[in-house]
Amino acid sequence: MSNTFNWNRLNDMLVIGNLRNVALPAQFQIAEHYYEAGLTTLEVTMNTAGAGSIITALNKAFGGKLNIGAGTVLTLLQLEEAL
């Protein structure tokens, strides 16, 4: 597992999936299908309830296969939570 952003993954597939207001169990299913489809980068919007925890969980599960990051980061507190 790696939590390091992989620029090659992004450059190979310049599509970024956006997960907004999707509950955690469904996010795992979406991430798995997203990966199976050959896509490489997903963001969880920080206005999603529990976004920081969701990002952490998805990174643990898919960090070696997908870039997982934060979107709609509007405050310093959200930035700290996303990191």
PDB file of N, CA and C in Angstrom:
ATOM      1  N   MET A   1       0.840  -1.177   0.000  1.00  0.00           N
ATOM      2  CA  MET A   1       0.000   0.000   0.000  1.00  0.00           C
ATOM      3  C   MET A   1       0.885   1.238   0.000  1.00  0.00           C
ATOM      4  N   SER A   2       0.479   2.239  -0.771  1.00  0.00           N
ATOM      5  CA  SER A   2       1.204   3.495  -0.816  1.00  0.00           C
ATOM      6  C   SER A   2       0.215   4.649  -0.780  1.00  0.00           C
ATOM      7  N   ASN A   3       0.502   5.648   0.052  1.00  0.00           N
ATOM      8  CA  ASN A   3      -0.334   6.829   0.106  1.00  0.00           C
ATOM      9  C   ASN A   3       0.269   7.953  -0.716  1.00  0.00           C
ATOM     10  N   THR A   4       1.299   7.650  -1.483  1.00  0.00           N
ATOM     11  CA  THR A   4       1.963   8.649  -2.301  1.00  0.00           C
ATOM     12  C   THR A   4       1.215   8.819  -3.610  1.00  0.00           C
ATOM     13  N   PHE A   5       0.976  10.075  -3.970  1.00  0.00           N
ATOM     14  CA  PHE A   5       0.310  10.355  -5.249  1.00  0.00           C
ATOM     15  C   PHE A   5       1.204   9.886  -6.377  1.00  0.00           C
ATOM     16  N   ASN A   6       0.634   9.173  -7.317  1.00  0.00           N
ATOM     17  CA  ASN A   6       1.388   8.626  -8.437  1.00  0.00           C
ATOM     18  C   ASN A   6       1.035   9.420  -9.696  1.00  0.00           C
ATOM     19  N   TRP A   7       1.961  10.290 -10.111  1.00  0.00           N
ATOM     20  CA  TRP A   7       1.716  11.139 -11.278  1.00  0.00           C
ATOM     21  C   TRP A   7       1.569  10.320 -12.553  1.00  0.00           C
ATOM     22  N   ASN A   8       2.278   9.205 -12.663  1.00  0.00           N
ATOM     23  CA  ASN A   8       2.147   8.369 -13.858  1.00  0.00           C
ATOM     24  C   ASN A   8       0.736   7.834 -14.002  1.00  0.00           C
ATOM     25  N   ARG A   9       0.121   7.448 -12.879  1.00  0.00           N
ATOM     26  CA  ARG A   9      -1.271   6.981 -12.926  1.00  0.00           C
ATOM     27  C   ARG A   9      -2.182   8.059 -13.483  1.00  0.00           C
ATOM     28  N   LEU A  10      -2.014   9.277 -12.976  1.00  0.00           N
ATOM     29  CA  LEU A  10      -2.856  10.374 -13.449  1.00  0.00           C
ATOM     30  C   LEU A  10      -2.584  10.673 -14.917  1.00  0.00           C
ATOM     31  N   ASN A  11      -1.328  10.738 -15.299  1.00  0.00           N
ATOM     32  CA  ASN A  11      -0.980  11.061 -16.684  1.00  0.00           C
ATOM     33  C   ASN A  11      -1.444   9.988 -17.666  1.00  0.00           C
ATOM     34  N   ASP A  12      -1.498   8.735 -17.219  1.00  0.00           N
ATOM     35  CA  ASP A  12      -1.980   7.658 -18.081  1.00  0.00           C
ATOM     36  C   ASP A  12      -3.487   7.730 -18.312  1.00  0.00           C
ATOM     37  N   MET A  13      -4.212   8.311 -17.362  1.00  0.00           N
ATOM     38  CA  MET A  13      -5.666   8.409 -17.472  1.00  0.00           C
ATOM     39  C   MET A  13      -6.083   9.736 -16.851  1.00  0.00           C
ATOM     40  N   LEU A  14      -6.305  10.724 -17.689  1.00  0.00           N
ATOM     41  CA  LEU A  14      -6.571  12.087 -17.225  1.00  0.00           C
ATOM     42  C   LEU A  14      -8.042  12.312 -16.868  1.00  0.00           C
ATOM     43  N   VAL A  15      -8.601  11.353 -16.155  1.00  0.00           N
ATOM     44  CA  VAL A  15      -9.975  11.445 -15.670  1.00  0.00           C
ATOM     45  C   VAL A  15      -9.921  11.302 -14.153  1.00  0.00           C
ATOM     46  N   ILE A  16     -10.563  12.219 -13.437  1.00  0.00           N
ATOM     47  CA  ILE A  16     -10.597  12.151 -11.981  1.00  0.00           C
ATOM     48  C   ILE A  16     -12.038  11.960 -11.546  1.00  0.00           C
ATOM     49  N   GLY A  17     -12.302  10.855 -10.879  1.00  0.00           N
ATOM     50  CA  GLY A  17     -13.638  10.594 -10.361  1.00  0.00           C
ATOM     51  C   GLY A  17     -13.895  11.436  -9.133  1.00  0.00           C
ATOM     52  N   ASN A  18     -15.137  11.842  -8.952  1.00  0.00           N
ATOM     53  CA  ASN A  18     -15.514  12.718  -7.850  1.00  0.00           C
ATOM     54  C   ASN A  18     -16.592  12.021  -7.035  1.00  0.00           C
ATOM     55  N   LEU A  19     -16.276  11.711  -5.780  1.00  0.00           N
ATOM     56  CA  LEU A  19     -17.233  11.068  -4.894  1.00  0.00           C
ATOM     57  C   LEU A  19     -17.771  12.104  -3.911  1.00  0.00           C
ATOM     58  N   ARG A  20     -19.003  12.512  -4.116  1.00  0.00           N
ATOM     59  CA  ARG A  20     -19.620  13.548  -3.290  1.00  0.00           C
ATOM     60  C   ARG A  20     -20.870  12.982  -2.620  1.00  0.00           C
ATOM     61  N   ASN A  21     -20.891  13.070  -1.294  1.00  0.00           N
ATOM     62  CA  ASN A  21     -22.057  12.651  -0.508  1.00  0.00           C
ATOM     63  C   ASN A  21     -22.464  11.205  -0.768  1.00  0.00           C
ATOM     64  N   VAL A  22     -21.450  10.338  -0.852  1.00  0.00           N
ATOM     65  CA  VAL A  22     -21.683   8.903  -1.003  1.00  0.00           C
ATOM     66  C   VAL A  22     -21.208   8.234   0.279  1.00  0.00           C
ATOM     67  N   ALA A  23     -22.036   7.377   0.870  1.00  0.00           N
ATOM     68  CA  ALA A  23     -21.683   6.705   2.121  1.00  0.00           C
ATOM     69  C   ALA A  23     -20.503   5.754   1.905  1.00  0.00           C
ATOM     70  N   LEU A  24     -19.757   5.500   2.980  1.00  0.00           N
ATOM     71  CA  LEU A  24     -18.527   4.724   2.885  1.00  0.00           C
ATOM     72  C   LEU A  24     -18.689   3.343   2.249  1.00  0.00           C
ATOM     73  N   PRO A  25     -19.672   2.535   2.626  1.00  0.00           N
ATOM     74  CA  PRO A  25     -19.745   1.216   1.982  1.00  0.00           C
ATOM     75  C   PRO A  25     -19.866   1.320   0.452  1.00  0.00           C
ATOM     76  N   ALA A  26     -20.658   2.246  -0.023  1.00  0.00           N
ATOM     77  CA  ALA A  26     -20.818   2.412  -1.474  1.00  0.00           C
ATOM     78  C   ALA A  26     -19.537   2.943  -2.109  1.00  0.00           C
ATOM     79  N   GLN A  27     -18.775   3.748  -1.374  1.00  0.00           N
ATOM     80  CA  GLN A  27     -17.529   4.274  -1.923  1.00  0.00           C
ATOM     81  C   GLN A  27     -16.549   3.151  -2.223  1.00  0.00           C
ATOM     82  N   PHE A  28     -16.505   2.117  -1.380  1.00  0.00           N
ATOM     83  CA  PHE A  28     -15.634   0.974  -1.654  1.00  0.00           C
ATOM     84  C   PHE A  28     -16.051   0.271  -2.943  1.00  0.00           C
ATOM     85  N   GLN A  29     -17.345   0.084  -3.125  1.00  0.00           N
ATOM     86  CA  GLN A  29     -17.843  -0.564  -4.346  1.00  0.00           C
ATOM     87  C   GLN A  29     -17.522   0.281  -5.572  1.00  0.00           C
ATOM     88  N   ILE A  30     -17.740   1.576  -5.474  1.00  0.00           N
ATOM     89  CA  ILE A  30     -17.446   2.478  -6.594  1.00  0.00           C
ATOM     90  C   ILE A  30     -15.963   2.448  -6.917  1.00  0.00           C
ATOM     91  N   ALA A  31     -15.122   2.524  -5.894  1.00  0.00           N
ATOM     92  CA  ALA A  31     -13.667   2.513  -6.112  1.00  0.00           C
ATOM     93  C   ALA A  31     -13.226   1.224  -6.792  1.00  0.00           C
ATOM     94  N   GLU A  32     -13.778   0.109  -6.385  1.00  0.00           N
ATOM     95  CA  GLU A  32     -13.407  -1.176  -6.999  1.00  0.00           C
ATOM     96  C   GLU A  32     -13.809  -1.208  -8.472  1.00  0.00           C
ATOM     97  N   HIS A  33     -15.021  -0.785  -8.793  1.00  0.00           N
ATOM     98  CA  HIS A  33     -15.473  -0.747 -10.192  1.00  0.00           C
ATOM     99  C   HIS A  33     -14.656   0.262 -10.997  1.00  0.00           C
ATOM    100  N   TYR A  34     -14.345   1.368 -10.389  1.00  0.00           N
ATOM    101  CA  TYR A  34     -13.543   2.411 -11.026  1.00  0.00           C
ATOM    102  C   TYR A  34     -12.184   1.842 -11.421  1.00  0.00           C
ATOM    103  N   TYR A  35     -11.557   1.130 -10.487  1.00  0.00           N
ATOM    104  CA  TYR A  35     -10.256   0.500 -10.751  1.00  0.00           C
ATOM    105  C   TYR A  35     -10.380  -0.559 -11.855  1.00  0.00           C
ATOM    106  N   GLU A  36     -11.385  -1.405 -11.766  1.00  0.00           N
ATOM    107  CA  GLU A  36     -11.592  -2.459 -12.765  1.00  0.00           C
ATOM    108  C   GLU A  36     -11.801  -1.883 -14.156  1.00  0.00           C
ATOM    109  N   ALA A  37     -12.355  -0.665 -14.236  1.00  0.00           N
ATOM    110  CA  ALA A  37     -12.592  -0.014 -15.525  1.00  0.00           C
ATOM    111  C   ALA A  37     -11.321   0.621 -16.091  1.00  0.00           C
ATOM    112  N   GLY A  38     -10.224   0.594 -15.319  1.00  0.00           N
ATOM    113  CA  GLY A  38      -8.970   1.146 -15.803  1.00  0.00           C
ATOM    114  C   GLY A  38      -8.734   2.599 -15.432  1.00  0.00           C
ATOM    115  N   LEU A  39      -9.592   3.151 -14.601  1.00  0.00           N
ATOM    116  CA  LEU A  39      -9.413   4.527 -14.154  1.00  0.00           C
ATOM    117  C   LEU A  39      -8.483   4.538 -12.946  1.00  0.00           C
ATOM    118  N   THR A  40      -7.884   5.694 -12.639  1.00  0.00           N
ATOM    119  CA  THR A  40      -6.762   5.676 -11.703  1.00  0.00           C
ATOM    120  C   THR A  40      -6.834   6.649 -10.535  1.00  0.00           C
ATOM    121  N   THR A  41      -7.664   7.693 -10.607  1.00  0.00           N
ATOM    122  CA  THR A  41      -7.623   8.745  -9.595  1.00  0.00           C
ATOM    123  C   THR A  41      -9.038   9.111  -9.145  1.00  0.00           C
ATOM    124  N   LEU A  42      -9.242   9.089  -7.829  1.00  0.00           N
ATOM    125  CA  LEU A  42     -10.533   9.431  -7.232  1.00  0.00           C
ATOM    126  C   LEU A  42     -10.344  10.526  -6.199  1.00  0.00           C
ATOM    127  N   GLU A  43     -11.304  11.424  -6.113  1.00  0.00           N
ATOM    128  CA  GLU A  43     -11.298  12.400  -5.028  1.00  0.00           C
ATOM    129  C   GLU A  43     -12.600  12.279  -4.249  1.00  0.00           C
ATOM    130  N   VAL A  44     -12.488  12.471  -2.944  1.00  0.00           N
ATOM    131  CA  VAL A  44     -13.642  12.543  -2.056  1.00  0.00           C
ATOM    132  C   VAL A  44     -13.790  14.010  -1.692  1.00  0.00           C
ATOM    133  N   THR A  45     -14.944  14.584  -1.965  1.00  0.00           N
ATOM    134  CA  THR A  45     -15.121  15.999  -1.650  1.00  0.00           C
ATOM    135  C   THR A  45     -15.210  16.181  -0.139  1.00  0.00           C
ATOM    136  N   MET A  46     -14.570  17.228   0.347  1.00  0.00           N
ATOM    137  CA  MET A  46     -14.505  17.461   1.784  1.00  0.00           C
ATOM    138  C   MET A  46     -15.837  17.919   2.374  1.00  0.00           C
ATOM    139  N   ASN A  47     -16.829  18.204   1.541  1.00  0.00           N
ATOM    140  CA  ASN A  47     -18.156  18.517   2.081  1.00  0.00           C
ATOM    141  C   ASN A  47     -19.005  17.249   2.222  1.00  0.00           C
ATOM    142  N   THR A  48     -18.387  16.089   2.033  1.00  0.00           N
ATOM    143  CA  THR A  48     -19.025  14.806   2.295  1.00  0.00           C
ATOM    144  C   THR A  48     -18.840  14.480   3.775  1.00  0.00           C
ATOM    145  N   ALA A  49     -19.897  14.069   4.449  1.00  0.00           N
ATOM    146  CA  ALA A  49     -19.794  13.721   5.871  1.00  0.00           C
ATOM    147  C   ALA A  49     -18.741  12.638   6.076  1.00  0.00           C
ATOM    148  N   GLY A  50     -17.796  12.884   6.995  1.00  0.00           N
ATOM    149  CA  GLY A  50     -16.752  11.906   7.291  1.00  0.00           C
ATOM    150  C   GLY A  50     -15.689  11.787   6.222  1.00  0.00           C
ATOM    151  N   ALA A  51     -15.507  12.821   5.420  1.00  0.00           N
ATOM    152  CA  ALA A  51     -14.580  12.752   4.280  1.00  0.00           C
ATOM    153  C   ALA A  51     -13.171  12.315   4.679  1.00  0.00           C
ATOM    154  N   GLY A  52     -12.645  12.848   5.770  1.00  0.00           N
ATOM    155  CA  GLY A  52     -11.291  12.483   6.186  1.00  0.00           C
ATOM    156  C   GLY A  52     -11.159  10.999   6.461  1.00  0.00           C
ATOM    157  N   SER A  53     -12.139  10.445   7.150  1.00  0.00           N
ATOM    158  CA  SER A  53     -12.139   9.007   7.448  1.00  0.00           C
ATOM    159  C   SER A  53     -12.309   8.174   6.186  1.00  0.00           C
ATOM    160  N   ILE A  54     -13.131   8.656   5.278  1.00  0.00           N
ATOM    161  CA  ILE A  54     -13.344   7.944   4.015  1.00  0.00           C
ATOM    162  C   ILE A  54     -12.057   7.922   3.205  1.00  0.00           C
ATOM    163  N   ILE A  55     -11.363   9.056   3.126  1.00  0.00           N
ATOM    164  CA  ILE A  55     -10.099   9.124   2.389  1.00  0.00           C
ATOM    165  C   ILE A  55      -9.094   8.154   2.990  1.00  0.00           C
ATOM    166  N   THR A  56      -8.999   8.138   4.312  1.00  0.00           N
ATOM    167  CA  THR A  56      -8.069   7.225   4.987  1.00  0.00           C
ATOM    168  C   THR A  56      -8.412   5.771   4.666  1.00  0.00           C
ATOM    169  N   ALA A  57      -9.690   5.424   4.774  1.00  0.00           N
ATOM    170  CA  ALA A  57     -10.114   4.040   4.513  1.00  0.00           C
ATOM    171  C   ALA A  57      -9.865   3.632   3.061  1.00  0.00           C
ATOM    172  N   LEU A  58     -10.179   4.529   2.121  1.00  0.00           N
ATOM    173  CA  LEU A  58      -9.948   4.204   0.711  1.00  0.00           C
ATOM    174  C   LEU A  58      -8.464   4.088   0.407  1.00  0.00           C
ATOM    175  N   ASN A  59      -7.638   4.935   1.040  1.00  0.00           N
ATOM    176  CA  ASN A  59      -6.195   4.832   0.841  1.00  0.00           C
ATOM    177  C   ASN A  59      -5.668   3.506   1.353  1.00  0.00           C
ATOM    178  N   LYS A  60      -6.173   3.044   2.490  1.00  0.00           N
ATOM    179  CA  LYS A  60      -5.743   1.750   3.023  1.00  0.00           C
ATOM    180  C   LYS A  60      -6.125   0.611   2.083  1.00  0.00           C
ATOM    181  N   ALA A  61      -7.307   0.716   1.507  1.00  0.00           N
ATOM    182  CA  ALA A  61      -7.809  -0.358   0.641  1.00  0.00           C
ATOM    183  C   ALA A  61      -7.265  -0.293  -0.777  1.00  0.00           C
ATOM    184  N   PHE A  62      -7.065   0.918  -1.305  1.00  0.00           N
ATOM    185  CA  PHE A  62      -6.741   1.067  -2.726  1.00  0.00           C
ATOM    186  C   PHE A  62      -5.486   1.878  -2.991  1.00  0.00           C
ATOM    187  N   GLY A  63      -4.754   2.255  -1.951  1.00  0.00           N
ATOM    188  CA  GLY A  63      -3.599   3.134  -2.122  1.00  0.00           C
ATOM    189  C   GLY A  63      -2.541   2.623  -3.084  1.00  0.00           C
ATOM    190  N   GLY A  64      -2.408   1.326  -3.221  1.00  0.00           N
ATOM    191  CA  GLY A  64      -1.453   0.775  -4.166  1.00  0.00           C
ATOM    192  C   GLY A  64      -1.979   0.694  -5.586  1.00  0.00           C
ATOM    193  N   LYS A  65      -3.295   0.917  -5.751  1.00  0.00           N
ATOM    194  CA  LYS A  65      -3.916   0.779  -7.065  1.00  0.00           C
ATOM    195  C   LYS A  65      -4.487   2.079  -7.610  1.00  0.00           C
ATOM    196  N   LEU A  66      -4.954   2.955  -6.718  1.00  0.00           N
ATOM    197  CA  LEU A  66      -5.600   4.205  -7.125  1.00  0.00           C
ATOM    198  C   LEU A  66      -4.986   5.386  -6.391  1.00  0.00           C
ATOM    199  N   ASN A  67      -4.969   6.524  -7.041  1.00  0.00           N
ATOM    200  CA  ASN A  67      -4.713   7.782  -6.341  1.00  0.00           C
ATOM    201  C   ASN A  67      -6.017   8.168  -5.656  1.00  0.00           C
ATOM    202  N   ILE A  68      -5.959   8.401  -4.347  1.00  0.00           N
ATOM    203  CA  ILE A  68      -7.133   8.821  -3.581  1.00  0.00           C
ATOM    204  C   ILE A  68      -6.812  10.185  -2.986  1.00  0.00           C
ATOM    205  N   GLY A  69      -7.667  11.162  -3.207  1.00  0.00           N
ATOM    206  CA  GLY A  69      -7.392  12.500  -2.693  1.00  0.00           C
ATOM    207  C   GLY A  69      -8.649  13.222  -2.272  1.00  0.00           C
ATOM    208  N   ALA A  70      -8.472  14.494  -1.937  1.00  0.00           N
ATOM    209  CA  ALA A  70      -9.562  15.331  -1.446  1.00  0.00           C
ATOM    210  C   ALA A  70      -9.922  16.389  -2.477  1.00  0.00           C
ATOM    211  N   GLY A  71     -11.200  16.692  -2.551  1.00  0.00           N
ATOM    212  CA  GLY A  71     -11.685  17.768  -3.412  1.00  0.00           C
ATOM    213  C   GLY A  71     -12.549  18.716  -2.608  1.00  0.00           C
ATOM    214  N   THR A  72     -12.849  19.861  -3.173  1.00  0.00           N
ATOM    215  CA  THR A  72     -13.653  20.893  -2.528  1.00  0.00           C
ATOM    216  C   THR A  72     -13.087  21.221  -1.145  1.00  0.00           C
ATOM    217  N   VAL A  73     -11.786  21.443  -1.093  1.00  0.00           N
ATOM    218  CA  VAL A  73     -11.116  21.835   0.145  1.00  0.00           C
ATOM    219  C   VAL A  73     -11.210  23.362   0.239  1.00  0.00           C
ATOM    220  N   LEU A  74     -12.004  23.844   1.187  1.00  0.00           N
ATOM    221  CA  LEU A  74     -12.299  25.274   1.262  1.00  0.00           C
ATOM    222  C   LEU A  74     -11.711  25.970   2.482  1.00  0.00           C
ATOM    223  N   THR A  75     -11.290  25.198   3.479  1.00  0.00           N
ATOM    224  CA  THR A  75     -10.770  25.804   4.699  1.00  0.00           C
ATOM    225  C   THR A  75      -9.468  25.125   5.108  1.00  0.00           C
ATOM    226  N   LEU A  76      -8.709  25.794   5.961  1.00  0.00           N
ATOM    227  CA  LEU A  76      -7.483  25.213   6.492  1.00  0.00           C
ATOM    228  C   LEU A  76      -7.792  23.953   7.298  1.00  0.00           C
ATOM    229  N   LEU A  77      -8.870  23.965   8.045  1.00  0.00           N
ATOM    230  CA  LEU A  77      -9.268  22.787   8.807  1.00  0.00           C
ATOM    231  C   LEU A  77      -9.536  21.591   7.888  1.00  0.00           C
ATOM    232  N   GLN A  78     -10.224  21.832   6.770  1.00  0.00           N
ATOM    233  CA  GLN A  78     -10.466  20.751   5.812  1.00  0.00           C
ATOM    234  C   GLN A  78      -9.160  20.251   5.212  1.00  0.00           C
ATOM    235  N   LEU A  79      -8.237  21.152   4.923  1.00  0.00           N
ATOM    236  CA  LEU A  79      -6.939  20.758   4.390  1.00  0.00           C
ATOM    237  C   LEU A  79      -6.207  19.856   5.380  1.00  0.00           C
ATOM    238  N   GLU A  80      -6.190  20.245   6.647  1.00  0.00           N
ATOM    239  CA  GLU A  80      -5.530  19.438   7.668  1.00  0.00           C
ATOM    240  C   GLU A  80      -6.191  18.075   7.806  1.00  0.00           C
ATOM    241  N   GLU A  81      -7.518  18.034   7.730  1.00  0.00           N
ATOM    242  CA  GLU A  81      -8.241  16.760   7.810  1.00  0.00           C
ATOM    243  C   GLU A  81      -7.917  15.876   6.603  1.00  0.00           C
ATOM    244  N   ALA A  82      -7.801  16.494   5.438  1.00  0.00           N
ATOM    245  CA  ALA A  82      -7.530  15.731   4.224  1.00  0.00           C
ATOM    246  C   ALA A  82      -6.128  15.134   4.225  1.00  0.00           C
ATOM    247  N   LEU A  83      -5.196  15.844   4.833  1.00  0.00           N
ATOM    248  CA  LEU A  83      -3.823  15.348   4.874  1.00  0.00           C
ATOM    249  C   LEU A  83      -3.662  14.259   5.904  1.00  0.00           C
TER     250      LEU A  83
END
